[in-house]
Amino acid sequence: MSLREILEKIVRSNERILLSDRNKDWEASALLENLSEPMLKRRAHMQPGLYIAEISEGGYLGTVLYKIKAKA
């Protein structure tokens, strides 16, 4: 699954979450609008309630891209 597909799924489901990188908390819709096409095409995995992580070429979990936080 691509990062784009994960973000689109979050937007469609109206989940009340924020995605936190090292610098800022993001809405999924804002990431869809602002991330580059190569970033959106990255293979990724979402562990609900915890994180979205990149999938390495070998099929293993790689870098955590965003931590999932509940909206207040």
Protein backbone atom coordinates (compact mmCIF):
# COMPACT_ATOMS: atom_id res chain seq x y z
CA MET A 1 0.00 0.00 0.00
CA SER A 2 1.30 3.46 -0.80
CA LEU A 3 1.42 6.41 1.57
CA ARG A 4 -1.15 8.12 -0.70
CA GLU A 5 -3.58 5.20 -0.27
CA ILE A 6 -3.19 5.26 3.51
CA LEU A 7 -3.78 9.02 3.69
CA GLU A 8 -6.80 8.80 1.38
CA LYS A 9 -8.26 6.04 3.55
CA ILE A 10 -7.84 8.22 6.66
CA VAL A 11 -9.55 11.16 4.93
CA ARG A 12 -12.46 9.01 3.67
CA SER A 13 -13.07 7.49 7.09
CA ASN A 14 -13.08 10.89 8.85
CA GLU A 15 -10.79 9.52 11.55
CA ARG A 16 -10.10 12.09 14.27
CA ILE A 17 -6.33 11.80 14.24
CA LEU A 18 -3.25 13.89 13.61
CA LEU A 19 -0.08 12.61 12.00
CA SER A 20 3.03 13.86 13.74
CA ASP A 21 6.46 14.08 12.15
CA ARG A 22 9.48 15.52 13.96
CA ASN A 23 8.37 19.08 13.32
CA LYS A 24 4.61 19.36 13.20
CA ASP A 25 1.21 17.72 13.58
CA TRP A 26 -0.61 17.26 10.27
CA GLU A 27 -4.11 16.47 9.06
CA ALA A 28 -4.07 13.65 6.48
CA SER A 29 -5.69 15.94 3.90
CA ALA A 30 -2.92 18.54 4.33
CA LEU A 31 -0.27 15.88 3.73
CA LEU A 32 -2.04 14.80 0.54
CA GLU A 33 -1.93 18.40 -0.68
CA ASN A 34 1.65 19.18 0.35
CA LEU A 35 3.79 16.04 -0.08
CA SER A 36 5.70 15.42 -3.29
CA GLU A 37 4.60 12.71 -5.69
CA PRO A 38 7.66 10.51 -4.94
CA MET A 39 6.88 10.70 -1.21
CA LEU A 40 3.22 9.79 -1.78
CA LYS A 41 4.28 6.77 -3.87
CA ARG A 42 6.40 5.28 -1.06
CA ARG A 43 5.29 1.88 0.16
CA ALA A 44 4.05 2.19 3.70
CA HIS A 45 2.19 0.42 6.50
CA MET A 46 -0.19 1.91 9.04
CA GLN A 47 -0.38 0.39 12.50
CA PRO A 48 -3.67 1.93 13.69
CA GLY A 49 -3.27 4.09 16.76
CA LEU A 50 0.53 4.00 16.62
CA TYR A 51 2.36 4.97 13.42
CA ILE A 52 2.76 4.99 9.65
CA ALA A 53 6.09 3.45 8.65
CA GLU A 54 7.91 3.09 5.37
CA ILE A 55 8.27 -0.44 3.93
CA SER A 56 11.82 -1.20 2.82
CA GLU A 57 12.69 -2.77 -0.53
CA GLY A 58 13.14 -6.08 1.30
CA GLY A 59 9.58 -5.88 2.63
CA TYR A 60 10.49 -4.96 6.21
CA LEU A 61 9.24 -2.04 8.27
CA GLY A 62 11.60 0.87 7.92
CA THR A 63 11.58 4.42 9.18
CA VAL A 64 8.52 5.67 11.06
CA LEU A 65 7.20 8.50 8.92
CA TYR A 66 4.38 9.69 11.18
CA LYS A 67 3.19 8.93 14.69
CA ILE A 68 -0.58 8.78 15.03
CA LYS A 69 -2.12 11.01 17.69
CA ALA A 70 -5.76 11.37 18.67
CA LYS A 71 -7.23 14.83 18.15
CA ALA A 72 -8.07 16.61 21.36
